[in-house]
C-alpha atoms as a PDB file:
ATOM      1  CA  MET A   1     147.697 135.068 140.290  1.00  0.00           C
ATOM      2  CA  GLU A   2     145.507 132.595 138.504  1.00  0.00           C
ATOM      3  CA  LYS A   3     143.434 131.941 141.764  1.00  0.00           C
ATOM      4  CA  GLU A   4     143.064 135.718 142.180  1.00  0.00           C
ATOM      5  CA  ILE A   5     141.651 136.010 138.665  1.00  0.00           C
ATOM      6  CA  ALA A   6     139.116 133.178 139.399  1.00  0.00           C
ATOM      7  CA  LEU A   7     138.020 134.761 142.471  1.00  0.00           C
ATOM      8  CA  LYS A   8     137.443 138.189 140.804  1.00  0.00           C
ATOM      9  CA  GLU A   9     135.379 136.337 137.952  1.00  0.00           C
ATOM     10  CA  LEU A  10     133.221 134.903 140.834  1.00  0.00           C
ATOM     11  CA  GLU A  11     132.543 138.354 142.148  1.00  0.00           C
ATOM     12  CA  SER A  12     129.364 139.165 140.293  1.00  0.00           C
ATOM     13  CA  THR A  13     127.740 135.439 140.886  1.00  0.00           C
ATOM     14  CA  ARG A  14     129.049 134.313 144.144  1.00  0.00           C
ATOM     15  CA  TRP A  15     126.317 136.118 146.135  1.00  0.00           C
ATOM     16  CA  ILE A  16     123.133 134.560 144.575  1.00  0.00           C
ATOM     17  CA  ASN A  17     120.674 135.665 147.231  1.00  0.00           C
ATOM     18  CA  LEU A  18     120.033 131.974 148.440  1.00  0.00           C
ATOM     19  CA  SER A  19     117.640 133.594 150.970  1.00  0.00           C
ATOM     20  CA  GLN A  20     115.580 134.974 147.958  1.00  0.00           C
ATOM     21  CA  GLN A  21     115.296 131.347 146.292  1.00  0.00           C
ATOM     22  CA  ASN A  22     112.414 129.269 146.808  1.00  0.00           C
ATOM     23  CA  TYR A  23     114.262 127.045 149.224  1.00  0.00           C
ATOM     24  CA  ILE A  24     113.028 125.661 152.542  1.00  0.00           C
ATOM     25  CA  ASN A  25     114.561 127.619 155.098  1.00  0.00           C
ATOM     26  CA  GLN A  26     117.217 126.044 157.534  1.00  0.00           C
ATOM     27  CA  VAL A  27     116.929 122.695 156.016  1.00  0.00           C
ATOM     28  CA  SER A  28     119.997 121.242 153.906  1.00  0.00           C
ATOM     29  CA  ILE A  29     121.189 118.008 152.397  1.00  0.00           C
ATOM     30  CA  ASP A  30     124.803 116.734 152.709  1.00  0.00           C
ATOM     31  CA  CYS A  31     125.626 113.757 150.250  1.00  0.00           C
ATOM     32  CA  VAL A  32     128.528 111.088 150.665  1.00  0.00           C
ATOM     33  CA  ILE A  33     129.355 110.025 147.316  1.00  0.00           C
ATOM     34  CA  PHE A  34     131.129 106.458 147.392  1.00  0.00           C
ATOM     35  CA  GLY A  35     133.136 105.114 144.342  1.00  0.00           C
ATOM     36  CA  TYR A  36     135.556 102.328 144.217  1.00  0.00           C
ATOM     37  CA  GLN A  37     138.740 102.056 142.181  1.00  0.00           C
ATOM     38  CA  ASP A  38     141.996  99.802 142.541  1.00  0.00           C
ATOM     39  CA  ARG A  39     141.010  98.156 145.749  1.00  0.00           C
ATOM     40  CA  GLN A  40     140.235 101.757 147.408  1.00  0.00           C
ATOM     41  CA  LEU A  41     136.855 102.923 148.663  1.00  0.00           C
ATOM     42  CA  LYS A  42     136.705 106.664 147.601  1.00  0.00           C
ATOM     43  CA  VAL A  43     134.770 109.826 148.308  1.00  0.00           C
ATOM     44  CA  LEU A  44     134.026 112.668 146.077  1.00  0.00           C
ATOM     45  CA  ILE A  45     134.819 115.954 147.962  1.00  0.00           C
ATOM     46  CA  PRO A  46     134.922 119.539 146.719  1.00  0.00           C
ATOM     47  CA  LYS A  47     137.340 122.061 147.903  1.00  0.00           C
ATOM     48  CA  LEU A  48     136.161 125.755 147.953  1.00  0.00           C
ATOM     49  CA  SER A  49     137.931 128.566 145.980  1.00  0.00           C
ATOM     50  CA  TYR A  50     138.920 130.796 148.849  1.00  0.00           C
ATOM     51  CA  LYS A  51     142.172 131.369 150.697  1.00  0.00           C
ATOM     52  CA  GLY A  52     142.144 128.587 153.276  1.00  0.00           C
ATOM     53  CA  ASP A  53     141.717 124.883 153.194  1.00  0.00           C
ATOM     54  CA  PHE A  54     137.947 124.571 153.050  1.00  0.00           C
ATOM     55  CA  TRP A  55     136.603 121.255 152.041  1.00  0.00           C
ATOM     56  CA  VAL A  56     133.146 120.243 152.051  1.00  0.00           C
ATOM     57  CA  LEU A  57     130.727 117.558 151.299  1.00  0.00           C
ATOM     58  CA  PRO A  58     128.463 118.004 148.210  1.00  0.00           C
ATOM     59  CA  SER A  59     125.631 119.825 149.599  1.00  0.00           C
ATOM     60  CA  GLY A  60     122.448 121.865 148.584  1.00  0.00           C
ATOM     61  CA  PHE A  61     118.899 122.898 149.724  1.00  0.00           C
ATOM     62  CA  VAL A  62     115.539 121.845 149.065  1.00  0.00           C
ATOM     63  CA  LEU A  63     112.918 123.834 147.024  1.00  0.00           C
ATOM     64  CA  GLN A  64     109.631 124.416 148.457  1.00  0.00           C
ATOM     65  CA  ASP A  65     107.755 121.989 145.956  1.00  0.00           C
ATOM     66  CA  GLU A  66     110.464 119.387 145.758  1.00  0.00           C
ATOM     67  CA  ASP A  67     110.567 116.065 147.377  1.00  0.00           C
ATOM     68  CA  ILE A  68     113.848 115.428 149.505  1.00  0.00           C
ATOM     69  CA  ASP A  69     114.562 112.583 147.441  1.00  0.00           C
ATOM     70  CA  GLN A  70     114.248 114.567 144.325  1.00  0.00           C
ATOM     71  CA  ALA A  71     116.480 117.385 145.735  1.00  0.00           C
ATOM     72  CA  ALA A  72     119.312 114.862 146.766  1.00  0.00           C
ATOM     73  CA  GLU A  73     119.175 113.259 143.262  1.00  0.00           C
ATOM     74  CA  ARG A  74     119.311 116.774 141.741  1.00  0.00           C
ATOM     75  CA  ILE A  75     122.358 117.637 143.867  1.00  0.00           C
ATOM     76  CA  LEU A  76     124.314 114.453 142.993  1.00  0.00           C
ATOM     77  CA  ARG A  77     123.454 114.806 139.330  1.00  0.00           C
ATOM     78  CA  GLU A  78     124.927 118.352 139.265  1.00  0.00           C
ATOM     79  CA  ARG A  79     128.034 117.020 140.878  1.00  0.00           C
ATOM     80  CA  THR A  80     128.480 113.658 139.010  1.00  0.00           C
ATOM     81  CA  ASN A  81     126.678 114.188 135.483  1.00  0.00           C
ATOM     82  CA  ILE A  82     124.905 110.956 135.752  1.00  0.00           C
ATOM     83  CA  LYS A  83     121.333 109.761 136.386  1.00  0.00           C
ATOM     84  CA  GLY A  84     119.808 106.906 138.183  1.00  0.00           C
ATOM     85  CA  ILE A  85     122.234 107.112 141.130  1.00  0.00           C
ATOM     86  CA  TYR A  86     121.752 104.727 144.088  1.00  0.00           C
ATOM     87  CA  LEU A  87     120.883 107.157 147.183  1.00  0.00           C
ATOM     88  CA  GLU A  88     120.214 106.000 150.590  1.00  0.00           C
ATOM     89  CA  GLN A  89     119.223 108.368 153.276  1.00  0.00           C
ATOM     90  CA  PHE A  90     120.919 107.327 156.417  1.00  0.00           C
ATOM     91  CA  GLN A  91     120.659 110.054 159.134  1.00  0.00           C
ATOM     92  CA  VAL A  92     119.414 113.583 160.166  1.00  0.00           C
ATOM     93  CA  PHE A  93     121.980 115.874 161.692  1.00  0.00           C
ATOM     94  CA  GLY A  94     120.335 118.588 163.881  1.00  0.00           C
ATOM     95  CA  LYS A  95     122.244 119.514 166.909  1.00  0.00           C
ATOM     96  CA  ALA A  96     120.966 122.827 168.561  1.00  0.00           C
ATOM     97  CA  ASN A  97     124.397 124.260 167.739  1.00  0.00           C
ATOM     98  CA  ARG A  98     124.612 123.222 164.384  1.00  0.00           C
ATOM     99  CA  ASN A  99     125.538 126.166 162.099  1.00  0.00           C
ATOM    100  CA  SER A 100     128.189 127.395 159.699  1.00  0.00           C
ATOM    101  CA  LYS A 101     128.982 130.731 161.516  1.00  0.00           C
ATOM    102  CA  GLU A 102     132.320 129.588 162.623  1.00  0.00           C
ATOM    103  CA  PHE A 103     133.385 128.180 159.377  1.00  0.00           C
ATOM    104  CA  MET A 104     131.969 131.335 157.536  1.00  0.00           C
ATOM    105  CA  ASN A 105     133.919 133.746 160.122  1.00  0.00           C
ATOM    106  CA  ARG A 106     137.073 131.827 159.445  1.00  0.00           C
ATOM    107  CA  LEU A 107     136.623 131.975 155.721  1.00  0.00           C
ATOM    108  CA  LYS A 108     136.002 135.932 156.106  1.00  0.00           C
ATOM    109  CA  ASP A 109     139.286 136.283 158.243  1.00  0.00           C
ATOM    110  CA  LEU A 110     141.633 134.384 155.734  1.00  0.00           C
ATOM    111  CA  ASN A 111     140.021 136.551 152.653  1.00  0.00           C
ATOM    112  CA  LEU A 112     139.904 139.973 154.182  1.00  0.00           C
ATOM    113  CA  GLU A 113     142.202 141.329 151.436  1.00  0.00           C
ATOM    114  CA  TYR A 114     139.979 139.938 148.619  1.00  0.00           C
ATOM    115  CA  LEU A 115     136.782 141.146 150.378  1.00  0.00           C
ATOM    116  CA  LYS A 116     138.118 144.676 150.620  1.00  0.00           C
ATOM    117  CA  THR A 117     139.314 144.964 147.084  1.00  0.00           C
ATOM    118  CA  THR A 118     135.878 143.891 145.815  1.00  0.00           C
ATOM    119  CA  ASP A 119     134.185 145.828 148.398  1.00  0.00           C
ATOM    120  CA  ILE A 120     132.154 143.070 149.948  1.00  0.00           C
ATOM    121  CA  ASN A 121     131.272 143.068 153.540  1.00  0.00           C
ATOM    122  CA  LEU A 122     130.409 139.574 154.381  1.00  0.00           C
ATOM    123  CA  GLU A 123     128.000 140.271 157.152  1.00  0.00           C
ATOM    124  CA  ASP A 124     126.086 142.563 154.871  1.00  0.00           C
ATOM    125  CA  GLN A 125     125.380 139.831 152.402  1.00  0.00           C
ATOM    126  CA  PRO A 126     121.784 138.632 152.376  1.00  0.00           C
ATOM    127  CA  ASP A 127     123.091 135.020 152.129  1.00  0.00           C
ATOM    128  CA  TYR A 128     125.341 135.514 155.276  1.00  0.00           C
ATOM    129  CA  ASN A 129     122.580 135.632 157.854  1.00  0.00           C
ATOM    130  CA  TRP A 130     120.499 133.026 155.928  1.00  0.00           C
ATOM    131  CA  PHE A 131     123.236 130.572 155.661  1.00  0.00           C
ATOM    132  CA  THR A 132     124.620 130.953 159.330  1.00  0.00           C
ATOM    133  CA  LYS A 133     121.479 130.041 161.119  1.00  0.00           C
ATOM    134  CA  ARG A 134     121.026 126.650 162.524  1.00  0.00           C
ATOM    135  CA  PHE A 135     120.600 124.198 159.908  1.00  0.00           C
ATOM    136  CA  ILE A 136     118.916 120.648 160.020  1.00  0.00           C
ATOM    137  CA  SER A 137     120.725 118.396 157.575  1.00  0.00           C
ATOM    138  CA  ILE A 138     119.570 115.206 155.901  1.00  0.00           C
ATOM    139  CA  GLY A 139     122.171 113.012 155.187  1.00  0.00           C
ATOM    140  CA  TYR A 140     122.488 110.721 151.953  1.00  0.00           C
ATOM    141  CA  TYR A 141     125.125 108.289 150.648  1.00  0.00           C
ATOM    142  CA  ALA A 142     125.235 107.578 147.139  1.00  0.00           C
ATOM    143  CA  LEU A 143     127.004 104.447 145.399  1.00  0.00           C
ATOM    144  CA  VAL A 144     128.346 105.128 141.768  1.00  0.00           C
ATOM    145  CA  ASP A 145     130.334 103.319 139.096  1.00  0.00           C
ATOM    146  CA  ILE A 146     133.349 105.724 139.520  1.00  0.00           C
ATOM    147  CA  ASN A 147     134.249 105.123 135.877  1.00  0.00           C
ATOM    148  CA  LYS A 148     130.962 106.713 134.841  1.00  0.00           C
ATOM    149  CA  VAL A 149     131.224 110.001 136.915  1.00  0.00           C
ATOM    150  CA  VAL A 150     132.382 113.111 135.467  1.00  0.00           C
ATOM    151  CA  PRO A 151     133.109 115.422 138.531  1.00  0.00           C
ATOM    152  CA  HIS A 152     131.606 118.827 138.320  1.00  0.00           C
ATOM    153  CA  LYS A 153     132.568 121.962 140.212  1.00  0.00           C
ATOM    154  CA  SER A 154     130.158 124.401 141.375  1.00  0.00           C
ATOM    155  CA  ILE A 155     130.646 128.184 141.189  1.00  0.00           C
ATOM    156  CA  VAL A 156     132.369 128.211 144.479  1.00  0.00           C
ATOM    157  CA  ASP A 157     134.678 125.215 144.050  1.00  0.00           C
ATOM    158  CA  GLU A 158     138.391 125.378 143.376  1.00  0.00           C
ATOM    159  CA  SER A 159     138.402 121.608 142.779  1.00  0.00           C
ATOM    160  CA  ILE A 160     136.390 118.413 143.245  1.00  0.00           C
ATOM    161  CA  GLU A 161     138.408 115.095 143.756  1.00  0.00           C
ATOM    162  CA  TRP A 162     138.222 111.499 144.718  1.00  0.00           C
ATOM    163  CA  TYR A 163     139.759 110.890 148.000  1.00  0.00           C
ATOM    164  CA  ASN A 164     140.788 107.541 149.603  1.00  0.00           C
ATOM    165  CA  ILE A 165     138.675 106.842 152.547  1.00  0.00           C
ATOM    166  CA  HIS A 166     141.737 106.805 154.556  1.00  0.00           C
ATOM    167  CA  GLU A 167     143.072 109.966 153.335  1.00  0.00           C
ATOM    168  CA  ILE A 168     140.023 112.433 153.943  1.00  0.00           C
ATOM    169  CA  PRO A 169     141.059 115.932 154.543  1.00  0.00           C
ATOM    170  CA  PRO A 170     139.543 117.670 157.501  1.00  0.00           C
ATOM    171  CA  MET A 171     136.107 119.253 156.245  1.00  0.00           C
ATOM    172  CA  VAL A 172     134.211 122.053 157.695  1.00  0.00           C
ATOM    173  CA  MET A 173     131.642 121.954 160.132  1.00  0.00           C
ATOM    174  CA  ASP A 174     130.447 118.203 161.088  1.00  0.00           C
ATOM    175  CA  HIS A 175     131.101 116.935 157.480  1.00  0.00           C
ATOM    176  CA  ASN A 176     133.767 114.473 158.421  1.00  0.00           C
ATOM    177  CA  GLU A 177     131.263 113.105 161.147  1.00  0.00           C
ATOM    178  CA  ILE A 178     128.638 112.775 158.514  1.00  0.00           C
ATOM    179  CA  LEU A 179     131.144 110.703 156.364  1.00  0.00           C
ATOM    180  CA  GLU A 180     131.893 108.526 159.127  1.00  0.00           C
ATOM    181  CA  LYS A 181     128.033 107.984 159.920  1.00  0.00           C
ATOM    182  CA  ALA A 182     127.604 107.254 156.112  1.00  0.00           C
ATOM    183  CA  LEU A 183     130.311 104.641 156.040  1.00  0.00           C
ATOM    184  CA  LYS A 184     128.846 102.853 159.174  1.00  0.00           C
ATOM    185  CA  ALA A 185     125.554 103.115 157.386  1.00  0.00           C
ATOM    186  CA  LEU A 186     126.879 101.340 154.190  1.00  0.00           C
ATOM    187  CA  ARG A 187     128.455  98.469 156.310  1.00  0.00           C
ATOM    188  CA  ASN A 188     125.153  97.977 157.894  1.00  0.00           C
ATOM    189  CA  ASP A 189     123.317  98.004 154.815  1.00  0.00           C
ATOM    190  CA  ILE A 190     125.345  95.757 152.319  1.00  0.00           C
ATOM    191  CA  ASP A 191     124.040  92.402 153.146  1.00  0.00           C
ATOM    192  CA  GLU A 192     120.372  93.428 153.883  1.00  0.00           C
ATOM    193  CA  LYS A 193     120.083  95.859 150.708  1.00  0.00           C
ATOM    194  CA  LEU A 194     122.454  94.253 148.426  1.00  0.00           C
ATOM    195  CA  ASN A 195     123.561  97.624 147.301  1.00  0.00           C
ATOM    196  CA  VAL A 196     127.288  97.148 146.877  1.00  0.00           C
ATOM    197  CA  PHE A 197     126.831  96.123 143.307  1.00  0.00           C
ATOM    198  CA  ASN A 198     126.209  99.802 142.555  1.00  0.00           C
ATOM    199  CA  LEU A 199     129.945 100.430 143.005  1.00  0.00           C
ATOM    200  CA  LEU A 200     130.918  98.020 140.335  1.00  0.00           C
ATOM    201  CA  PRO A 201     130.637  98.001 136.614  1.00  0.00           C
ATOM    202  CA  GLU A 202     127.691  96.225 134.937  1.00  0.00           C
ATOM    203  CA  LYS A 203     129.551  92.901 134.491  1.00  0.00           C
ATOM    204  CA  PHE A 204     132.100  91.639 137.328  1.00  0.00           C
ATOM    205  CA  THR A 205     133.458  88.402 138.917  1.00  0.00           C
ATOM    206  CA  ILE A 206     132.907  87.097 142.119  1.00  0.00           C
ATOM    207  CA  ALA A 207     136.571  88.011 143.002  1.00  0.00           C
ATOM    208  CA  GLN A 208     135.923  91.597 142.373  1.00  0.00           C
ATOM    209  CA  VAL A 209     132.764  91.241 144.701  1.00  0.00           C
ATOM    210  CA  GLN A 210     134.965  89.860 147.425  1.00  0.00           C
ATOM    211  CA  GLU A 211     137.729  92.460 146.954  1.00  0.00           C
ATOM    212  CA  ILE A 212     135.127  95.319 147.375  1.00  0.00           C
ATOM    213  CA  TYR A 213     133.492  93.559 150.448  1.00  0.00           C
ATOM    214  CA  GLU A 214     137.162  93.237 151.963  1.00  0.00           C
ATOM    215  CA  THR A 215     138.046  96.921 151.228  1.00  0.00           C
ATOM    216  CA  ILE A 216     134.614  98.168 152.829  1.00  0.00           C
ATOM    217  CA  PHE A 217     135.013  95.898 155.921  1.00  0.00           C
ATOM    218  CA  GLU A 218     138.794  95.810 155.943  1.00  0.00           C
ATOM    219  CA  ARG A 219     139.161  92.108 156.508  1.00  0.00           C
ATOM    220  CA  THR A 220     139.561  89.298 154.550  1.00  0.00           C
ATOM    221  CA  TYR A 221     137.155  86.409 153.497  1.00  0.00           C
ATOM    222  CA  VAL A 222     137.904  82.620 152.703  1.00  0.00           C
ATOM    223  CA  ARG A 223     137.126  82.574 149.044  1.00  0.00           C
ATOM    224  CA  THR A 224     134.976  79.352 148.902  1.00  0.00           C
ATOM    225  CA  ASN A 225     132.707  80.774 151.782  1.00  0.00           C
ATOM    226  CA  PHE A 226     132.372  84.175 150.335  1.00  0.00           C
ATOM    227  CA  GLN A 227     131.559  82.825 146.998  1.00  0.00           C
ATOM    228  CA  LYS A 228     128.827  80.450 148.604  1.00  0.00           C
ATOM    229  CA  LYS A 229     127.480  83.405 150.620  1.00  0.00           C
ATOM    230  CA  ILE A 230     127.111  85.774 147.619  1.00  0.00           C
ATOM    231  CA  LEU A 231     125.588  83.056 145.283  1.00  0.00           C
ATOM    232  CA  GLU A 232     122.961  82.014 147.977  1.00  0.00           C
ATOM    233  CA  PHE A 233     121.661  85.577 147.773  1.00  0.00           C
ATOM    234  CA  ASN A 234     120.269  84.389 144.399  1.00  0.00           C
ATOM    235  CA  VAL A 235     120.513  88.002 142.805  1.00  0.00           C
ATOM    236  CA  LEU A 236     123.155  87.427 140.292  1.00  0.00           C
ATOM    237  CA  GLU A 237     122.695  86.296 136.666  1.00  0.00           C
ATOM    238  CA  ARG A 238     125.756  84.264 135.458  1.00  0.00           C
ATOM    239  CA  LEU A 239     127.090  85.305 131.967  1.00  0.00           C
ATOM    240  CA  GLU A 240     130.023  84.179 129.856  1.00  0.00           C
ATOM    241  CA  LYS A 241     133.499  83.548 131.266  1.00  0.00           C
ATOM    242  CA  LYS A 242     136.115  86.270 131.472  1.00  0.00           C
ATOM    243  CA  PHE A 243     138.751  85.803 129.083  1.00  0.00           C
ATOM    244  CA  THR A 244     142.260  85.414 130.726  1.00  0.00           C
ATOM    245  CA  GLY A 245     144.162  83.554 128.238  1.00  0.00           C
ATOM    246  CA  ALA A 246     143.624  80.322 130.243  1.00  0.00           C
ATOM    247  CA  ALA A 247     140.413  79.002 129.401  1.00  0.00           C
ATOM    248  CA  ASN A 248     140.200  76.210 132.205  1.00  0.00           C
ATOM    249  CA  LYS A 249     140.941  78.982 134.749  1.00  0.00           C
ATOM    250  CA  ALA A 250     138.709  81.751 133.153  1.00  0.00           C
ATOM    251  CA  PRO A 251     136.235  83.035 135.942  1.00  0.00           C
ATOM    252  CA  TYR A 252     132.458  83.524 135.074  1.00  0.00           C
ATOM    253  CA  LEU A 253     131.259  87.113 134.813  1.00  0.00           C
ATOM    254  CA  TYR A 254     128.007  87.791 136.479  1.00  0.00           C
ATOM    255  CA  ARG A 255     125.486  90.835 136.427  1.00  0.00           C
ATOM    256  CA  PHE A 256     123.151  91.936 139.287  1.00  0.00           C
ATOM    257  CA  LYS A 257     119.655  90.917 138.431  1.00  0.00           C
ATOM    258  CA  ASP A 258     117.830  93.942 139.342  1.00  0.00           C
ATOM    259  CA  LYS A 259     120.317  96.733 139.948  1.00  0.00           C
ATOM    260  CA  ILE A 260     118.626  99.311 142.379  1.00  0.00           C
ATOM    261  CA  SER A 261     118.527 102.916 141.375  1.00  0.00           C
ATOM    262  CA  LEU A 262     116.021 105.786 142.089  1.00  0.00           C
END
């Protein structure tokens, strides 16, 4: 009942004439938002508020007078309520048959009762033809301090939740493939771009850095060798010791000297 009420409330706003907005035709942005918590790498994923299990990556479109990086930052700000997010463009997805027609038709078939009661013919909606054409998508991944994120639902979302990287639901279209490519890109970028620190709070220990490396790469590291490797990057500022109750064993806290962000 609650879901039906929510669907009816969306009736007047769901079809917002994307085709009439000042967007670049057939270009989209799909974002993979990584967070880290309790030794788990997580991804922020919305679920659409229709009958059926429709999970998607946070996505959006590019305005005619907008740089693509600005568009990605805007989309992520709308979903996380934070600014200065670390963003990395990692791949363009543009297969000739890449479109959302199969997904949209499945959504229609599962929601026929609702569409009939609201007198909506999906194929007659201006957005349907615009949205189901072939789209070229620019993939970005973002690294955020999960404790600062306030997940924000869009008008068509039922929920937006953090999912463990090993418990990702089946998403629409090629979004699971985009996520896999983003994870691969993150692993390739970590040592060169030193961006993993964007997943941590401002102050952290070397042990926390090792834990996050081990989580992302799914392997263990020898503590002394790992500490030597990280400190040799010469990008960390050593701060006070972290109070543990045993002063002689208290680890030092560190801060990234120049945290990278847009």
